[in-house]
Amino acid sequence: MKNCLYPVAFIVLSALAAASLLQASDLSSYRQFHLGNSAADVATQTGMESSELRLVSSRPERIEELDWKTNRSALATTPSDSVREIRFRFYNGSLFEMMVRYDMDRTGGLTDADMTEALSAIYGSAAQPAAKEMAFNSGYNTTVRVIAQWHDAQNLLSLVGFSHGDGFGVIVSSNDSLALARRAMVESDRLDYVEAPQRAREVKAKQEAETAARDEQFRSRNKPDFRP
């Protein structure tokens, strides 16, 4: 009987370990935020208003951002919270990327290994980064140093370090949605470039029409009373 219990115990422990690994490997989440959440849900979670969303591009797809500084809300934060701010990015109203920046006062003295260890306790073993640098800001102009990464078929979580010892951050993104958003932003830039001459002509015509209307108003008022 005693020997019969060993396989059962092994199966139970294996199941618990697998469940723990699955939970630890949920790369679609960061704290209480989940990729795929709506912009309205994220605004509510952070104590912000949907009107605070910033429009990045409206065509061919809608790209929006919401910047949350943790010190402006008591929701899910404490005075000692290590997160300073999070930029949430939305593709057609769905969260596809989170850019987390840690407070330097809370990460001062910590090494790359310390940060990797802390995140590995949540997300499992880290993988070697696919690239040494990656983009961090909304325009994909600023690059940061990639320290470690965790990934699955759908999502990527990257631990990054800022230049000049400016601390650490984390980028959590949906692979498919991020690719779609980047293509949409490139197309938006192309459309802006192609349509720029026509928009310039329209702006000029509007300004000329406004100037003509103003001058006519002055003329109508001044001409009857003018005496040379």
C-alpha atoms as a PDB file:
ATOM      1  CA  MET A   1       0.000   0.000   0.000  1.00  0.00           C
ATOM      2  CA  LYS A   2       2.809   2.345   0.927  1.00  0.00           C
ATOM      3  CA  ASN A   3       4.525   1.848  -2.439  1.00  0.00           C
ATOM      4  CA  CYS A   4       1.244   2.514  -4.216  1.00  0.00           C
ATOM      5  CA  LEU A   5       1.106   5.980  -2.717  1.00  0.00           C
ATOM      6  CA  TYR A   6       4.353   7.093  -4.374  1.00  0.00           C
ATOM      7  CA  PRO A   7       2.942   7.320  -7.926  1.00  0.00           C
ATOM      8  CA  VAL A   8      -0.109   9.188  -6.624  1.00  0.00           C
ATOM      9  CA  ALA A   9       2.040  11.627  -4.674  1.00  0.00           C
ATOM     10  CA  PHE A  10       4.283  12.121  -7.703  1.00  0.00           C
ATOM     11  CA  ILE A  11       1.302  12.867  -9.937  1.00  0.00           C
ATOM     12  CA  VAL A  12      -0.129  15.373  -7.438  1.00  0.00           C
ATOM     13  CA  LEU A  13       3.198  17.155  -7.021  1.00  0.00           C
ATOM     14  CA  SER A  14       3.735  17.203 -10.766  1.00  0.00           C
ATOM     15  CA  ALA A  15       0.296  18.680 -11.281  1.00  0.00           C
ATOM     16  CA  LEU A  16       0.927  21.357  -8.670  1.00  0.00           C
ATOM     17  CA  ALA A  17       4.281  22.193 -10.205  1.00  0.00           C
ATOM     18  CA  ALA A  18       2.768  22.414 -13.676  1.00  0.00           C
ATOM     19  CA  ALA A  19      -0.011  24.681 -12.395  1.00  0.00           C
ATOM     20  CA  SER A  20       2.545  26.884 -10.703  1.00  0.00           C
ATOM     21  CA  LEU A  21       4.616  27.083 -13.881  1.00  0.00           C
ATOM     22  CA  LEU A  22       1.585  27.995 -15.952  1.00  0.00           C
ATOM     23  CA  GLN A  23       0.709  30.762 -13.521  1.00  0.00           C
ATOM     24  CA  ALA A  24       4.289  32.008 -13.451  1.00  0.00           C
ATOM     25  CA  SER A  25       4.475  32.009 -17.228  1.00  0.00           C
ATOM     26  CA  ASP A  26       1.467  34.269 -17.815  1.00  0.00           C
ATOM     27  CA  LEU A  27       3.254  36.802 -19.944  1.00  0.00           C
ATOM     28  CA  SER A  28       0.053  38.580 -20.946  1.00  0.00           C
ATOM     29  CA  SER A  29      -0.192  40.208 -17.532  1.00  0.00           C
ATOM     30  CA  TYR A  30       1.667  42.734 -15.470  1.00  0.00           C
ATOM     31  CA  ARG A  31       0.289  43.150 -11.969  1.00  0.00           C
ATOM     32  CA  GLN A  32      -3.468  43.696 -12.382  1.00  0.00           C
ATOM     33  CA  PHE A  33      -3.240  44.721 -16.031  1.00  0.00           C
ATOM     34  CA  HIS A  34      -3.767  42.303 -18.909  1.00  0.00           C
ATOM     35  CA  LEU A  35      -2.994  42.588 -22.602  1.00  0.00           C
ATOM     36  CA  GLY A  36      -6.251  42.701 -24.497  1.00  0.00           C
ATOM     37  CA  ASN A  37      -8.045  44.812 -21.877  1.00  0.00           C
ATOM     38  CA  SER A  38     -10.065  47.695 -23.246  1.00  0.00           C
ATOM     39  CA  ALA A  39      -8.903  51.269 -22.895  1.00  0.00           C
ATOM     40  CA  ALA A  40     -11.935  52.014 -20.720  1.00  0.00           C
ATOM     41  CA  ASP A  41     -11.066  49.143 -18.366  1.00  0.00           C
ATOM     42  CA  VAL A  42      -7.455  50.282 -18.004  1.00  0.00           C
ATOM     43  CA  ALA A  43      -8.537  53.869 -17.373  1.00  0.00           C
ATOM     44  CA  THR A  44     -10.863  52.646 -14.633  1.00  0.00           C
ATOM     45  CA  GLN A  45      -8.153  50.460 -13.071  1.00  0.00           C
ATOM     46  CA  THR A  46      -5.736  53.375 -12.904  1.00  0.00           C
ATOM     47  CA  GLY A  47      -8.286  55.886 -11.671  1.00  0.00           C
ATOM     48  CA  MET A  48      -7.947  57.938 -14.854  1.00  0.00           C
ATOM     49  CA  GLU A  49     -10.501  59.125 -17.381  1.00  0.00           C
ATOM     50  CA  SER A  50     -10.901  57.804 -20.906  1.00  0.00           C
ATOM     51  CA  SER A  51     -10.654  61.421 -22.051  1.00  0.00           C
ATOM     52  CA  GLU A  52      -6.997  61.357 -20.948  1.00  0.00           C
ATOM     53  CA  LEU A  53      -6.150  58.941 -23.749  1.00  0.00           C
ATOM     54  CA  ARG A  54      -3.769  60.489 -26.284  1.00  0.00           C
ATOM     55  CA  LEU A  55      -4.442  59.817 -29.952  1.00  0.00           C
ATOM     56  CA  VAL A  56      -1.278  58.754 -31.769  1.00  0.00           C
ATOM     57  CA  SER A  57      -2.847  57.777 -35.075  1.00  0.00           C
ATOM     58  CA  SER A  58      -6.415  57.488 -36.321  1.00  0.00           C
ATOM     59  CA  ARG A  59      -5.797  55.748 -39.612  1.00  0.00           C
ATOM     60  CA  PRO A  60      -5.628  53.203 -41.023  1.00  0.00           C
ATOM     61  CA  GLU A  61      -6.105  51.934 -37.455  1.00  0.00           C
ATOM     62  CA  ARG A  62      -6.616  53.761 -34.171  1.00  0.00           C
ATOM     63  CA  ILE A  63      -3.522  53.890 -31.949  1.00  0.00           C
ATOM     64  CA  GLU A  64      -3.845  55.502 -28.514  1.00  0.00           C
ATOM     65  CA  GLU A  65      -1.734  55.877 -25.388  1.00  0.00           C
ATOM     66  CA  LEU A  66      -2.424  56.458 -21.721  1.00  0.00           C
ATOM     67  CA  ASP A  67       0.358  57.607 -19.378  1.00  0.00           C
ATOM     68  CA  TRP A  68      -0.187  56.702 -15.736  1.00  0.00           C
ATOM     69  CA  LYS A  69       2.021  58.055 -12.987  1.00  0.00           C
ATOM     70  CA  THR A  70       1.462  55.913  -9.936  1.00  0.00           C
ATOM     71  CA  ASN A  71       1.799  58.797  -7.501  1.00  0.00           C
ATOM     72  CA  ARG A  72      -1.384  60.372  -8.825  1.00  0.00           C
ATOM     73  CA  SER A  73      -3.573  57.506  -7.671  1.00  0.00           C
ATOM     74  CA  ALA A  74      -3.810  55.447  -4.504  1.00  0.00           C
ATOM     75  CA  LEU A  75      -5.265  52.570  -6.492  1.00  0.00           C
ATOM     76  CA  ALA A  76      -3.022  49.485  -6.271  1.00  0.00           C
ATOM     77  CA  THR A  77      -0.038  51.558  -5.172  1.00  0.00           C
ATOM     78  CA  THR A  78       1.705  52.467  -1.948  1.00  0.00           C
ATOM     79  CA  PRO A  79       4.280  55.163  -1.147  1.00  0.00           C
ATOM     80  CA  SER A  80       6.967  52.503  -1.572  1.00  0.00           C
ATOM     81  CA  ASP A  81       5.711  51.173  -4.911  1.00  0.00           C
ATOM     82  CA  SER A  82       8.654  50.416  -7.195  1.00  0.00           C
ATOM     83  CA  VAL A  83       6.729  51.469 -10.326  1.00  0.00           C
ATOM     84  CA  ARG A  84       6.996  55.144 -11.201  1.00  0.00           C
ATOM     85  CA  GLU A  85       4.910  55.189 -14.362  1.00  0.00           C
ATOM     86  CA  ILE A  86       3.342  52.981 -17.015  1.00  0.00           C
ATOM     87  CA  ARG A  87       2.555  53.867 -20.598  1.00  0.00           C
ATOM     88  CA  PHE A  88      -0.352  51.801 -21.896  1.00  0.00           C
ATOM     89  CA  ARG A  89      -0.730  51.500 -25.665  1.00  0.00           C
ATOM     90  CA  PHE A  90      -3.945  50.500 -27.440  1.00  0.00           C
ATOM     91  CA  TYR A  91      -4.637  49.146 -30.907  1.00  0.00           C
ATOM     92  CA  ASN A  92      -8.253  49.803 -31.899  1.00  0.00           C
ATOM     93  CA  GLY A  93      -9.133  50.120 -28.214  1.00  0.00           C
ATOM     94  CA  SER A  94      -7.345  46.960 -27.057  1.00  0.00           C
ATOM     95  CA  LEU A  95      -4.230  47.017 -24.849  1.00  0.00           C
ATOM     96  CA  PHE A  96      -1.262  45.645 -26.797  1.00  0.00           C
ATOM     97  CA  GLU A  97       1.760  47.031 -24.953  1.00  0.00           C
ATOM     98  CA  MET A  98       2.769  48.217 -21.491  1.00  0.00           C
ATOM     99  CA  MET A  99       5.941  50.221 -20.927  1.00  0.00           C
ATOM    100  CA  VAL A 100       6.826  50.205 -17.247  1.00  0.00           C
ATOM    101  CA  ARG A 101       9.417  52.497 -15.728  1.00  0.00           C
ATOM    102  CA  TYR A 102      10.636  51.815 -12.191  1.00  0.00           C
ATOM    103  CA  ASP A 103      11.368  54.472  -9.603  1.00  0.00           C
ATOM    104  CA  MET A 104      15.120  54.960  -9.378  1.00  0.00           C
ATOM    105  CA  ASP A 105      14.886  55.457  -5.614  1.00  0.00           C
ATOM    106  CA  ARG A 106      13.488  51.907  -5.363  1.00  0.00           C
ATOM    107  CA  THR A 107      15.977  50.270  -7.723  1.00  0.00           C
ATOM    108  CA  GLY A 108      19.130  52.151  -6.758  1.00  0.00           C
ATOM    109  CA  GLY A 109      22.064  49.784  -6.306  1.00  0.00           C
ATOM    110  CA  LEU A 110      20.244  46.825  -7.851  1.00  0.00           C
ATOM    111  CA  THR A 111      22.140  44.946 -10.538  1.00  0.00           C
ATOM    112  CA  ASP A 112      20.944  43.385 -13.779  1.00  0.00           C
ATOM    113  CA  ALA A 113      21.094  40.016 -12.019  1.00  0.00           C
ATOM    114  CA  ASP A 114      18.978  41.319  -9.108  1.00  0.00           C
ATOM    115  CA  MET A 115      16.269  42.567 -11.453  1.00  0.00           C
ATOM    116  CA  THR A 116      16.330  39.384 -13.523  1.00  0.00           C
ATOM    117  CA  GLU A 117      15.996  37.287 -10.378  1.00  0.00           C
ATOM    118  CA  ALA A 118      13.015  39.308  -9.152  1.00  0.00           C
ATOM    119  CA  LEU A 119      11.136  38.936 -12.442  1.00  0.00           C
ATOM    120  CA  SER A 120      12.096  35.260 -12.797  1.00  0.00           C
ATOM    121  CA  ALA A 121      10.342  34.582  -9.493  1.00  0.00           C
ATOM    122  CA  ILE A 122       7.120  35.682 -11.206  1.00  0.00           C
ATOM    123  CA  TYR A 123       7.548  34.714 -14.850  1.00  0.00           C
ATOM    124  CA  GLY A 124       9.920  31.744 -14.676  1.00  0.00           C
ATOM    125  CA  SER A 125      13.390  31.340 -16.118  1.00  0.00           C
ATOM    126  CA  ALA A 126      14.595  34.123 -18.371  1.00  0.00           C
ATOM    127  CA  ALA A 127      15.838  33.617 -21.903  1.00  0.00           C
ATOM    128  CA  GLN A 128      18.748  35.315 -23.594  1.00  0.00           C
ATOM    129  CA  PRO A 129      17.485  38.479 -25.301  1.00  0.00           C
ATOM    130  CA  ALA A 130      17.022  38.277 -29.039  1.00  0.00           C
ATOM    131  CA  ALA A 131      18.555  41.740 -29.455  1.00  0.00           C
ATOM    132  CA  LYS A 132      20.839  43.974 -27.419  1.00  0.00           C
ATOM    133  CA  GLU A 133      18.580  47.000 -27.793  1.00  0.00           C
ATOM    134  CA  MET A 134      14.905  47.713 -28.396  1.00  0.00           C
ATOM    135  CA  ALA A 135      12.626  50.705 -28.727  1.00  0.00           C
ATOM    136  CA  PHE A 136      10.926  52.070 -25.648  1.00  0.00           C
ATOM    137  CA  ASN A 137       9.001  55.235 -26.426  1.00  0.00           C
ATOM    138  CA  SER A 138       5.861  55.626 -28.482  1.00  0.00           C
ATOM    139  CA  GLY A 139       7.626  56.762 -31.628  1.00  0.00           C
ATOM    140  CA  TYR A 140      10.129  53.897 -31.553  1.00  0.00           C
ATOM    141  CA  ASN A 141      12.968  56.422 -31.676  1.00  0.00           C
ATOM    142  CA  THR A 142      14.542  55.886 -28.257  1.00  0.00           C
ATOM    143  CA  THR A 143      16.305  52.603 -27.634  1.00  0.00           C
ATOM    144  CA  VAL A 144      17.045  50.903 -24.336  1.00  0.00           C
ATOM    145  CA  ARG A 145      19.408  48.116 -23.335  1.00  0.00           C
ATOM    146  CA  VAL A 146      17.759  44.671 -23.209  1.00  0.00           C
ATOM    147  CA  ILE A 147      18.841  42.716 -20.126  1.00  0.00           C
ATOM    148  CA  ALA A 148      16.627  39.616 -20.205  1.00  0.00           C
ATOM    149  CA  GLN A 149      13.449  38.395 -21.861  1.00  0.00           C
ATOM    150  CA  TRP A 150      10.568  36.012 -21.239  1.00  0.00           C
ATOM    151  CA  HIS A 151       8.434  34.929 -24.149  1.00  0.00           C
ATOM    152  CA  ASP A 152       5.820  32.519 -25.400  1.00  0.00           C
ATOM    153  CA  ALA A 153       4.045  32.151 -28.731  1.00  0.00           C
ATOM    154  CA  GLN A 154       1.854  35.222 -28.164  1.00  0.00           C
ATOM    155  CA  ASN A 155       3.676  37.586 -25.828  1.00  0.00           C
ATOM    156  CA  LEU A 156       7.056  39.065 -24.975  1.00  0.00           C
ATOM    157  CA  LEU A 157       8.229  40.542 -21.682  1.00  0.00           C
ATOM    158  CA  SER A 158      11.551  42.373 -21.686  1.00  0.00           C
ATOM    159  CA  LEU A 159      13.588  43.689 -18.779  1.00  0.00           C
ATOM    160  CA  VAL A 160      15.391  46.803 -19.999  1.00  0.00           C
ATOM    161  CA  GLY A 161      17.941  49.246 -18.662  1.00  0.00           C
ATOM    162  CA  PHE A 162      18.041  52.959 -19.447  1.00  0.00           C
ATOM    163  CA  SER A 163      21.186  54.749 -20.481  1.00  0.00           C
ATOM    164  CA  HIS A 164      23.393  56.732 -18.130  1.00  0.00           C
ATOM    165  CA  GLY A 165      22.298  54.688 -15.129  1.00  0.00           C
ATOM    166  CA  ASP A 166      18.720  55.942 -15.288  1.00  0.00           C
ATOM    167  CA  GLY A 167      17.277  52.746 -13.858  1.00  0.00           C
ATOM    168  CA  PHE A 168      15.219  49.877 -15.172  1.00  0.00           C
ATOM    169  CA  GLY A 169      11.969  49.204 -16.956  1.00  0.00           C
ATOM    170  CA  VAL A 170       9.822  46.426 -18.353  1.00  0.00           C
ATOM    171  CA  ILE A 171       8.057  46.167 -21.694  1.00  0.00           C
ATOM    172  CA  VAL A 172       5.133  43.755 -22.003  1.00  0.00           C
ATOM    173  CA  SER A 173       3.693  43.322 -25.483  1.00  0.00           C
ATOM    174  CA  SER A 174       1.489  41.160 -27.649  1.00  0.00           C
ATOM    175  CA  ASN A 175       3.549  39.991 -30.623  1.00  0.00           C
ATOM    176  CA  ASP A 176       0.747  39.987 -33.178  1.00  0.00           C
ATOM    177  CA  SER A 177      -0.892  43.243 -32.094  1.00  0.00           C
ATOM    178  CA  LEU A 178       2.434  45.020 -31.799  1.00  0.00           C
ATOM    179  CA  ALA A 179       3.301  44.038 -35.372  1.00  0.00           C
ATOM    180  CA  LEU A 180      -0.091  45.273 -36.581  1.00  0.00           C
ATOM    181  CA  ALA A 181       0.283  48.550 -34.687  1.00  0.00           C
ATOM    182  CA  ARG A 182       3.728  49.189 -36.124  1.00  0.00           C
ATOM    183  CA  ARG A 183       2.504  48.540 -39.655  1.00  0.00           C
ATOM    184  CA  ALA A 184      -0.442  50.849 -39.061  1.00  0.00           C
ATOM    185  CA  MET A 185       1.826  53.640 -37.817  1.00  0.00           C
ATOM    186  CA  VAL A 186       4.119  53.267 -40.826  1.00  0.00           C
ATOM    187  CA  GLU A 187       1.105  53.455 -43.126  1.00  0.00           C
ATOM    188  CA  SER A 188      -0.197  56.482 -41.238  1.00  0.00           C
ATOM    189  CA  ASP A 189       3.130  58.249 -41.756  1.00  0.00           C
ATOM    190  CA  ARG A 190       3.028  57.353 -45.460  1.00  0.00           C
ATOM    191  CA  LEU A 191      -0.480  58.746 -45.841  1.00  0.00           C
ATOM    192  CA  ASP A 192       0.507  61.928 -44.024  1.00  0.00           C
ATOM    193  CA  TYR A 193       3.478  62.358 -46.366  1.00  0.00           C
ATOM    194  CA  VAL A 194       1.429  61.734 -49.517  1.00  0.00           C
ATOM    195  CA  GLU A 195      -1.381  64.050 -48.447  1.00  0.00           C
ATOM    196  CA  ALA A 196       0.831  66.799 -47.006  1.00  0.00           C
ATOM    197  CA  PRO A 197       0.844  68.987 -50.173  1.00  0.00           C
ATOM    198  CA  GLN A 198      -2.946  68.900 -50.457  1.00  0.00           C
ATOM    199  CA  ARG A 199      -3.370  69.676 -46.757  1.00  0.00           C
ATOM    200  CA  ALA A 200      -0.951  72.586 -47.114  1.00  0.00           C
ATOM    201  CA  ARG A 201      -3.008  73.958 -50.006  1.00  0.00           C
ATOM    202  CA  GLU A 202      -6.202  73.588 -47.985  1.00  0.00           C
ATOM    203  CA  VAL A 203      -4.673  75.359 -44.992  1.00  0.00           C
ATOM    204  CA  LYS A 204      -3.427  78.185 -47.210  1.00  0.00           C
ATOM    205  CA  ALA A 205      -6.833  78.536 -48.892  1.00  0.00           C
ATOM    206  CA  LYS A 206      -8.565  78.629 -45.510  1.00  0.00           C
ATOM    207  CA  GLN A 207      -6.193  81.298 -44.215  1.00  0.00           C
ATOM    208  CA  GLU A 208      -6.679  83.388 -47.339  1.00  0.00           C
ATOM    209  CA  ALA A 209     -10.462  83.065 -47.054  1.00  0.00           C
ATOM    210  CA  GLU A 210     -10.370  84.112 -43.408  1.00  0.00           C
ATOM    211  CA  THR A 211      -8.147  87.081 -44.238  1.00  0.00           C
ATOM    212  CA  ALA A 212     -10.455  88.124 -47.081  1.00  0.00           C
ATOM    213  CA  ALA A 213     -13.520  87.851 -44.821  1.00  0.00           C
ATOM    214  CA  ARG A 214     -11.849  89.919 -42.114  1.00  0.00           C
ATOM    215  CA  ASP A 215     -10.770  92.581 -44.607  1.00  0.00           C
ATOM    216  CA  GLU A 216     -14.291  92.759 -46.047  1.00  0.00           C
ATOM    217  CA  GLN A 217     -15.698  93.205 -42.554  1.00  0.00           C
ATOM    218  CA  PHE A 218     -13.318  96.088 -41.911  1.00  0.00           C
ATOM    219  CA  ARG A 219     -14.116  97.578 -45.339  1.00  0.00           C
ATOM    220  CA  SER A 220     -17.844  97.447 -44.718  1.00  0.00           C
ATOM    221  CA  ARG A 221     -17.405  99.173 -41.394  1.00  0.00           C
ATOM    222  CA  ASN A 222     -14.857 101.791 -42.403  1.00  0.00           C
ATOM    223  CA  LYS A 223     -15.767 102.769 -45.954  1.00  0.00           C
ATOM    224  CA  PRO A 224     -18.995 104.688 -45.218  1.00  0.00           C
ATOM    225  CA  ASP A 225     -17.330 106.840 -42.556  1.00  0.00           C
ATOM    226  CA  PHE A 226     -13.975 107.389 -44.199  1.00  0.00           C
ATOM    227  CA  ARG A 227     -13.166 111.025 -45.057  1.00  0.00           C
ATOM    228  CA  PRO A 228      -9.935 111.804 -46.929  1.00  0.00           C
END
